[in-house]
Amino acid sequence: MNKVIKKITDGDKLIDADIFYPPTLIIPAIGATAMKFATGAPVSGRWVLGSPLITKENAKDYYFPESPY
């Protein structure tokens, strides 16, 4: 992720934007899976989670050089 954000910040002509998917997006998936196994009932639904668009104008807000991902 950091490599892509750095390319956006630097103005790479092939990558001008990205979408940020924070690790917390896994929480609804875990909850739905746990419900399925706990109750045995089928689980279905639609979850719409906000993810910011990263562009050259805001990439610096999402760039963390020390981050492992």
PDB file of N, CA and C in Angstrom:
ATOM      1  N   MET A   1       0.815  -1.186   0.000  1.00  0.00           N
ATOM      2  CA  MET A   1       0.000   0.000   0.000  1.00  0.00           C
ATOM      3  C   MET A   1       0.865   1.258   0.000  1.00  0.00           C
ATOM      4  N   ASN A   2       1.886   1.275   0.856  1.00  0.00           N
ATOM      5  CA  ASN A   2       2.740   2.458   0.911  1.00  0.00           C
ATOM      6  C   ASN A   2       3.430   2.738  -0.417  1.00  0.00           C
ATOM      7  N   LYS A   3       3.822   1.675  -1.118  1.00  0.00           N
ATOM      8  CA  LYS A   3       4.487   1.873  -2.408  1.00  0.00           C
ATOM      9  C   LYS A   3       3.545   2.537  -3.397  1.00  0.00           C
ATOM     10  N   VAL A   4       2.290   2.133  -3.384  1.00  0.00           N
ATOM     11  CA  VAL A   4       1.306   2.717  -4.295  1.00  0.00           C
ATOM     12  C   VAL A   4       1.038   4.173  -3.919  1.00  0.00           C
ATOM     13  N   ILE A   5       0.880   4.432  -2.636  1.00  0.00           N
ATOM     14  CA  ILE A   5       0.623   5.811  -2.196  1.00  0.00           C
ATOM     15  C   ILE A   5       1.806   6.706  -2.523  1.00  0.00           C
ATOM     16  N   LYS A   6       3.006   6.198  -2.359  1.00  0.00           N
ATOM     17  CA  LYS A   6       4.202   6.976  -2.707  1.00  0.00           C
ATOM     18  C   LYS A   6       4.208   7.308  -4.192  1.00  0.00           C
ATOM     19  N   LYS A   7       3.820   6.342  -5.032  1.00  0.00           N
ATOM     20  CA  LYS A   7       3.763   6.594  -6.474  1.00  0.00           C
ATOM     21  C   LYS A   7       2.732   7.669  -6.797  1.00  0.00           C
ATOM     22  N   ILE A   8       1.612   7.647  -6.105  1.00  0.00           N
ATOM     23  CA  ILE A   8       0.592   8.680  -6.316  1.00  0.00           C
ATOM     24  C   ILE A   8       1.142  10.042  -5.912  1.00  0.00           C
ATOM     25  N   THR A   9       1.788  10.096  -4.758  1.00  0.00           N
ATOM     26  CA  THR A   9       2.375  11.343  -4.265  1.00  0.00           C
ATOM     27  C   THR A   9       3.402  11.895  -5.257  1.00  0.00           C
ATOM     28  N   ASP A  10       4.195  10.987  -5.841  1.00  0.00           N
ATOM     29  CA  ASP A  10       5.245  11.402  -6.773  1.00  0.00           C
ATOM     30  C   ASP A  10       4.722  11.736  -8.158  1.00  0.00           C
ATOM     31  N   GLY A  11       3.420  11.519  -8.395  1.00  0.00           N
ATOM     32  CA  GLY A  11       2.846  11.851  -9.698  1.00  0.00           C
ATOM     33  C   GLY A  11       3.053  10.796 -10.758  1.00  0.00           C
ATOM     34  N   ASP A  12       3.146   9.528 -10.358  1.00  0.00           N
ATOM     35  CA  ASP A  12       3.299   8.433 -11.319  1.00  0.00           C
ATOM     36  C   ASP A  12       2.188   8.491 -12.363  1.00  0.00           C
ATOM     37  N   LYS A  13       2.551   8.403 -13.624  1.00  0.00           N
ATOM     38  CA  LYS A  13       1.557   8.531 -14.703  1.00  0.00           C
ATOM     39  C   LYS A  13       0.671   7.297 -14.834  1.00  0.00           C
ATOM     40  N   LEU A  14       1.083   6.165 -14.282  1.00  0.00           N
ATOM     41  CA  LEU A  14       0.291   4.946 -14.378  1.00  0.00           C
ATOM     42  C   LEU A  14      -0.658   4.744 -13.202  1.00  0.00           C
ATOM     43  N   ILE A  15      -0.353   5.386 -12.086  1.00  0.00           N
ATOM     44  CA  ILE A  15      -1.191   5.233 -10.894  1.00  0.00           C
ATOM     45  C   ILE A  15      -1.543   6.629 -10.392  1.00  0.00           C
ATOM     46  N   ASP A  16      -2.765   7.069 -10.659  1.00  0.00           N
ATOM     47  CA  ASP A  16      -3.135   8.416 -10.221  1.00  0.00           C
ATOM     48  C   ASP A  16      -4.090   8.413  -9.032  1.00  0.00           C
ATOM     49  N   ALA A  17      -4.590   7.225  -8.637  1.00  0.00           N
ATOM     50  CA  ALA A  17      -5.497   7.146  -7.486  1.00  0.00           C
ATOM     51  C   ALA A  17      -5.524   5.716  -6.964  1.00  0.00           C
ATOM     52  N   ASP A  18      -5.996   5.580  -5.739  1.00  0.00           N
ATOM     53  CA  ASP A  18      -6.152   4.273  -5.104  1.00  0.00           C
ATOM     54  C   ASP A  18      -7.288   4.396  -4.093  1.00  0.00           C
ATOM     55  N   ILE A  19      -7.778   3.269  -3.635  1.00  0.00           N
ATOM     56  CA  ILE A  19      -8.811   3.263  -2.606  1.00  0.00           C
ATOM     57  C   ILE A  19      -8.216   2.637  -1.362  1.00  0.00           C
ATOM     58  N   PHE A  20      -8.441   3.276  -0.231  1.00  0.00           N
ATOM     59  CA  PHE A  20      -7.903   2.809   1.035  1.00  0.00           C
ATOM     60  C   PHE A  20      -8.868   1.818   1.669  1.00  0.00           C
ATOM     61  N   TYR A  21      -8.394   0.616   1.931  1.00  0.00           N
ATOM     62  CA  TYR A  21      -9.174  -0.406   2.619  1.00  0.00           C
ATOM     63  C   TYR A  21      -8.519  -0.682   3.967  1.00  0.00           C
ATOM     64  N   PRO A  22      -9.025  -0.063   5.027  1.00  0.00           N
ATOM     65  CA  PRO A  22      -8.396  -0.279   6.331  1.00  0.00           C
ATOM     66  C   PRO A  22      -8.607  -1.700   6.832  1.00  0.00           C
ATOM     67  N   PRO A  23      -7.707  -2.189   7.664  1.00  0.00           N
ATOM     68  CA  PRO A  23      -7.835  -3.547   8.203  1.00  0.00           C
ATOM     69  C   PRO A  23      -9.143  -3.773   8.961  1.00  0.00           C
ATOM     70  N   THR A  24      -9.771  -2.713   9.442  1.00  0.00           N
ATOM     71  CA  THR A  24     -11.017  -2.863  10.198  1.00  0.00           C
ATOM     72  C   THR A  24     -12.174  -3.346   9.324  1.00  0.00           C
ATOM     73  N   LEU A  25     -11.993  -3.396   8.025  1.00  0.00           N
ATOM     74  CA  LEU A  25     -13.057  -3.906   7.158  1.00  0.00           C
ATOM     75  C   LEU A  25     -13.339  -5.378   7.416  1.00  0.00           C
ATOM     76  N   ILE A  26     -12.435  -6.065   8.056  1.00  0.00           N
ATOM     77  CA  ILE A  26     -12.623  -7.487   8.337  1.00  0.00           C
ATOM     78  C   ILE A  26     -13.662  -7.710   9.442  1.00  0.00           C
ATOM     79  N   ILE A  27     -13.922  -6.711  10.264  1.00  0.00           N
ATOM     80  CA  ILE A  27     -14.827  -6.875  11.406  1.00  0.00           C
ATOM     81  C   ILE A  27     -16.230  -7.334  10.991  1.00  0.00           C
ATOM     82  N   PRO A  28     -16.887  -6.706  10.003  1.00  0.00           N
ATOM     83  CA  PRO A  28     -18.218  -7.195   9.612  1.00  0.00           C
ATOM     84  C   PRO A  28     -18.188  -8.631   9.073  1.00  0.00           C
ATOM     85  N   ALA A  29     -17.133  -8.999   8.381  1.00  0.00           N
ATOM     86  CA  ALA A  29     -17.026 -10.358   7.844  1.00  0.00           C
ATOM     87  C   ALA A  29     -16.912 -11.378   8.977  1.00  0.00           C
ATOM     88  N   ILE A  30     -16.135 -11.062   9.977  1.00  0.00           N
ATOM     89  CA  ILE A  30     -15.994 -11.962  11.123  1.00  0.00           C
ATOM     90  C   ILE A  30     -17.320 -12.093  11.854  1.00  0.00           C
ATOM     91  N   GLY A  31     -18.015 -10.969  12.037  1.00  0.00           N
ATOM     92  CA  GLY A  31     -19.302 -10.998  12.720  1.00  0.00           C
ATOM     93  C   GLY A  31     -20.330 -11.843  11.981  1.00  0.00           C
ATOM     94  N   ALA A  32     -20.412 -11.690  10.660  1.00  0.00           N
ATOM     95  CA  ALA A  32     -21.371 -12.471   9.868  1.00  0.00           C
ATOM     96  C   ALA A  32     -21.017 -13.957   9.899  1.00  0.00           C
ATOM     97  N   THR A  33     -19.752 -14.270   9.807  1.00  0.00           N
ATOM     98  CA  THR A  33     -19.320 -15.665   9.838  1.00  0.00           C
ATOM     99  C   THR A  33     -19.610 -16.284  11.201  1.00  0.00           C
ATOM    100  N   ALA A  34     -19.340 -15.552  12.264  1.00  0.00           N
ATOM    101  CA  ALA A  34     -19.610 -16.054  13.615  1.00  0.00           C
ATOM    102  C   ALA A  34     -21.107 -16.302  13.803  1.00  0.00           C
ATOM    103  N   MET A  35     -21.938 -15.396  13.295  1.00  0.00           N
ATOM    104  CA  MET A  35     -23.383 -15.556  13.412  1.00  0.00           C
ATOM    105  C   MET A  35     -23.845 -16.817  12.687  1.00  0.00           C
ATOM    106  N   LYS A  36     -23.291 -17.068  11.517  1.00  0.00           N
ATOM    107  CA  LYS A  36     -23.658 -18.254  10.743  1.00  0.00           C
ATOM    108  C   LYS A  36     -23.331 -19.524  11.528  1.00  0.00           C
ATOM    109  N   PHE A  37     -22.143 -19.590  12.096  1.00  0.00           N
ATOM    110  CA  PHE A  37     -21.737 -20.790  12.823  1.00  0.00           C
ATOM    111  C   PHE A  37     -22.424 -20.914  14.177  1.00  0.00           C
ATOM    112  N   ALA A  38     -22.731 -19.799  14.807  1.00  0.00           N
ATOM    113  CA  ALA A  38     -23.376 -19.841  16.127  1.00  0.00           C
ATOM    114  C   ALA A  38     -24.843 -20.248  16.037  1.00  0.00           C
ATOM    115  N   THR A  39     -25.526 -19.820  14.975  1.00  0.00           N
ATOM    116  CA  THR A  39     -26.962 -20.077  14.879  1.00  0.00           C
ATOM    117  C   THR A  39     -27.313 -21.160  13.875  1.00  0.00           C
ATOM    118  N   GLY A  40     -26.413 -21.425  12.945  1.00  0.00           N
ATOM    119  CA  GLY A  40     -26.699 -22.386  11.886  1.00  0.00           C
ATOM    120  C   GLY A  40     -27.610 -21.825  10.808  1.00  0.00           C
ATOM    121  N   ALA A  41     -28.049 -20.590  10.989  1.00  0.00           N
ATOM    122  CA  ALA A  41     -28.939 -19.949  10.014  1.00  0.00           C
ATOM    123  C   ALA A  41     -28.122 -19.369   8.870  1.00  0.00           C
ATOM    124  N   PRO A  42     -28.706 -19.353   7.676  1.00  0.00           N
ATOM    125  CA  PRO A  42     -27.994 -18.730   6.562  1.00  0.00           C
ATOM    126  C   PRO A  42     -27.850 -17.224   6.812  1.00  0.00           C
ATOM    127  N   VAL A  43     -26.733 -16.704   6.443  1.00  0.00           N
ATOM    128  CA  VAL A  43     -26.466 -15.280   6.623  1.00  0.00           C
ATOM    129  C   VAL A  43     -26.299 -14.658   5.247  1.00  0.00           C
ATOM    130  N   SER A  44     -27.048 -13.621   5.017  1.00  0.00           N
ATOM    131  CA  SER A  44     -26.894 -12.899   3.761  1.00  0.00           C
ATOM    132  C   SER A  44     -27.108 -11.420   4.037  1.00  0.00           C
ATOM    133  N   GLY A  45     -26.688 -10.628   3.142  1.00  0.00           N
ATOM    134  CA  GLY A  45     -26.857  -9.191   3.318  1.00  0.00           C
ATOM    135  C   GLY A  45     -25.863  -8.428   2.474  1.00  0.00           C
ATOM    136  N   ARG A  46     -25.959  -7.151   2.599  1.00  0.00           N
ATOM    137  CA  ARG A  46     -25.069  -6.271   1.857  1.00  0.00           C
ATOM    138  C   ARG A  46     -24.522  -5.241   2.832  1.00  0.00           C
ATOM    139  N   TRP A  47     -23.220  -5.122   2.859  1.00  0.00           N
ATOM    140  CA  TRP A  47     -22.571  -4.164   3.729  1.00  0.00           C
ATOM    141  C   TRP A  47     -21.842  -3.151   2.864  1.00  0.00           C
ATOM    142  N   VAL A  48     -22.165  -1.903   3.024  1.00  0.00           N
ATOM    143  CA  VAL A  48     -21.496  -0.836   2.281  1.00  0.00           C
ATOM    144  C   VAL A  48     -20.622  -0.077   3.278  1.00  0.00           C
ATOM    145  N   LEU A  49     -19.344  -0.148   3.048  1.00  0.00           N
ATOM    146  CA  LEU A  49     -18.384   0.480   3.952  1.00  0.00           C
ATOM    147  C   LEU A  49     -17.637   1.575   3.207  1.00  0.00           C
ATOM    148  N   GLY A  50     -17.503   2.688   3.840  1.00  0.00           N
ATOM    149  CA  GLY A  50     -16.808   3.805   3.207  1.00  0.00           C
ATOM    150  C   GLY A  50     -15.312   3.580   3.099  1.00  0.00           C
ATOM    151  N   SER A  51     -14.758   3.897   1.958  1.00  0.00           N
ATOM    152  CA  SER A  51     -13.318   3.823   1.727  1.00  0.00           C
ATOM    153  C   SER A  51     -12.911   5.072   0.971  1.00  0.00           C
ATOM    154  N   PRO A  52     -12.021   5.864   1.535  1.00  0.00           N
ATOM    155  CA  PRO A  52     -11.643   7.113   0.871  1.00  0.00           C
ATOM    156  C   PRO A  52     -10.837   6.881  -0.410  1.00  0.00           C
ATOM    157  N   LEU A  53     -11.045   7.754  -1.366  1.00  0.00           N
ATOM    158  CA  LEU A  53     -10.266   7.755  -2.601  1.00  0.00           C
ATOM    159  C   LEU A  53      -8.984   8.533  -2.332  1.00  0.00           C
ATOM    160  N   ILE A  54      -7.858   7.912  -2.610  1.00  0.00           N
ATOM    161  CA  ILE A  54      -6.563   8.552  -2.405  1.00  0.00           C
ATOM    162  C   ILE A  54      -6.088   9.114  -3.738  1.00  0.00           C
ATOM    163  N   THR A  55      -5.856  10.402  -3.748  1.00  0.00           N
ATOM    164  CA  THR A  55      -5.384  11.098  -4.945  1.00  0.00           C
ATOM    165  C   THR A  55      -4.096  11.852  -4.590  1.00  0.00           C
ATOM    166  N   LYS A  56      -3.503  12.492  -5.562  1.00  0.00           N
ATOM    167  CA  LYS A  56      -2.274  13.239  -5.304  1.00  0.00           C
ATOM    168  C   LYS A  56      -2.513  14.344  -4.261  1.00  0.00           C
ATOM    169  N   GLU A  57      -3.725  14.884  -4.242  1.00  0.00           N
ATOM    170  CA  GLU A  57      -4.041  15.969  -3.312  1.00  0.00           C
ATOM    171  C   GLU A  57      -4.095  15.510  -1.844  1.00  0.00           C
ATOM    172  N   ASN A  58      -4.468  14.256  -1.587  1.00  0.00           N
ATOM    173  CA  ASN A  58      -4.573  13.821  -0.191  1.00  0.00           C
ATOM    174  C   ASN A  58      -3.657  12.635   0.154  1.00  0.00           C
ATOM    175  N   ALA A  59      -2.826  12.197  -0.771  1.00  0.00           N
ATOM    176  CA  ALA A  59      -1.980  11.013  -0.548  1.00  0.00           C
ATOM    177  C   ALA A  59      -1.061  11.176   0.656  1.00  0.00           C
ATOM    178  N   LYS A  60      -0.598  12.384   0.902  1.00  0.00           N
ATOM    179  CA  LYS A  60       0.302  12.600   2.039  1.00  0.00           C
ATOM    180  C   LYS A  60      -0.373  12.251   3.369  1.00  0.00           C
ATOM    181  N   ASP A  61      -1.700  12.329   3.423  1.00  0.00           N
ATOM    182  CA  ASP A  61      -2.430  11.996   4.647  1.00  0.00           C
ATOM    183  C   ASP A  61      -2.479  10.486   4.905  1.00  0.00           C
ATOM    184  N   TYR A  62      -2.187   9.689   3.879  1.00  0.00           N
ATOM    185  CA  TYR A  62      -2.255   8.229   3.989  1.00  0.00           C
ATOM    186  C   TYR A  62      -0.896   7.557   3.844  1.00  0.00           C
ATOM    187  N   TYR A  63       0.150   8.349   3.712  1.00  0.00           N
ATOM    188  CA  TYR A  63       1.491   7.782   3.530  1.00  0.00           C
ATOM    189  C   TYR A  63       2.222   7.721   4.863  1.00  0.00           C
ATOM    190  N   PHE A  64       2.562   6.499   5.272  1.00  0.00           N
ATOM    191  CA  PHE A  64       3.288   6.274   6.519  1.00  0.00           C
ATOM    192  C   PHE A  64       4.529   5.446   6.190  1.00  0.00           C
ATOM    193  N   PRO A  65       5.670   6.105   6.011  1.00  0.00           N
ATOM    194  CA  PRO A  65       6.883   5.418   5.558  1.00  0.00           C
ATOM    195  C   PRO A  65       7.301   4.228   6.423  1.00  0.00           C
ATOM    196  N   GLU A  66       6.995   4.244   7.689  1.00  0.00           N
ATOM    197  CA  GLU A  66       7.415   3.155   8.584  1.00  0.00           C
ATOM    198  C   GLU A  66       6.433   1.987   8.607  1.00  0.00           C
ATOM    199  N   SER A  67       5.319   2.137   7.932  1.00  0.00           N
ATOM    200  CA  SER A  67       4.310   1.067   7.925  1.00  0.00           C
ATOM    201  C   SER A  67       4.796  -0.146   7.136  1.00  0.00           C
ATOM    202  N   PRO A  68       4.539  -1.365   7.630  1.00  0.00           N
ATOM    203  CA  PRO A  68       4.995  -2.565   6.909  1.00  0.00           C
ATOM    204  C   PRO A  68       4.155  -2.907   5.697  1.00  0.00           C
ATOM    205  N   TYR A  69       3.023  -2.283   5.530  1.00  0.00           N
ATOM    206  CA  TYR A  69       2.183  -2.595   4.369  1.00  0.00           C
ATOM    207  C   TYR A  69       1.938  -1.380   3.520  1.00  0.00           C
TER     208      TYR A  69
END
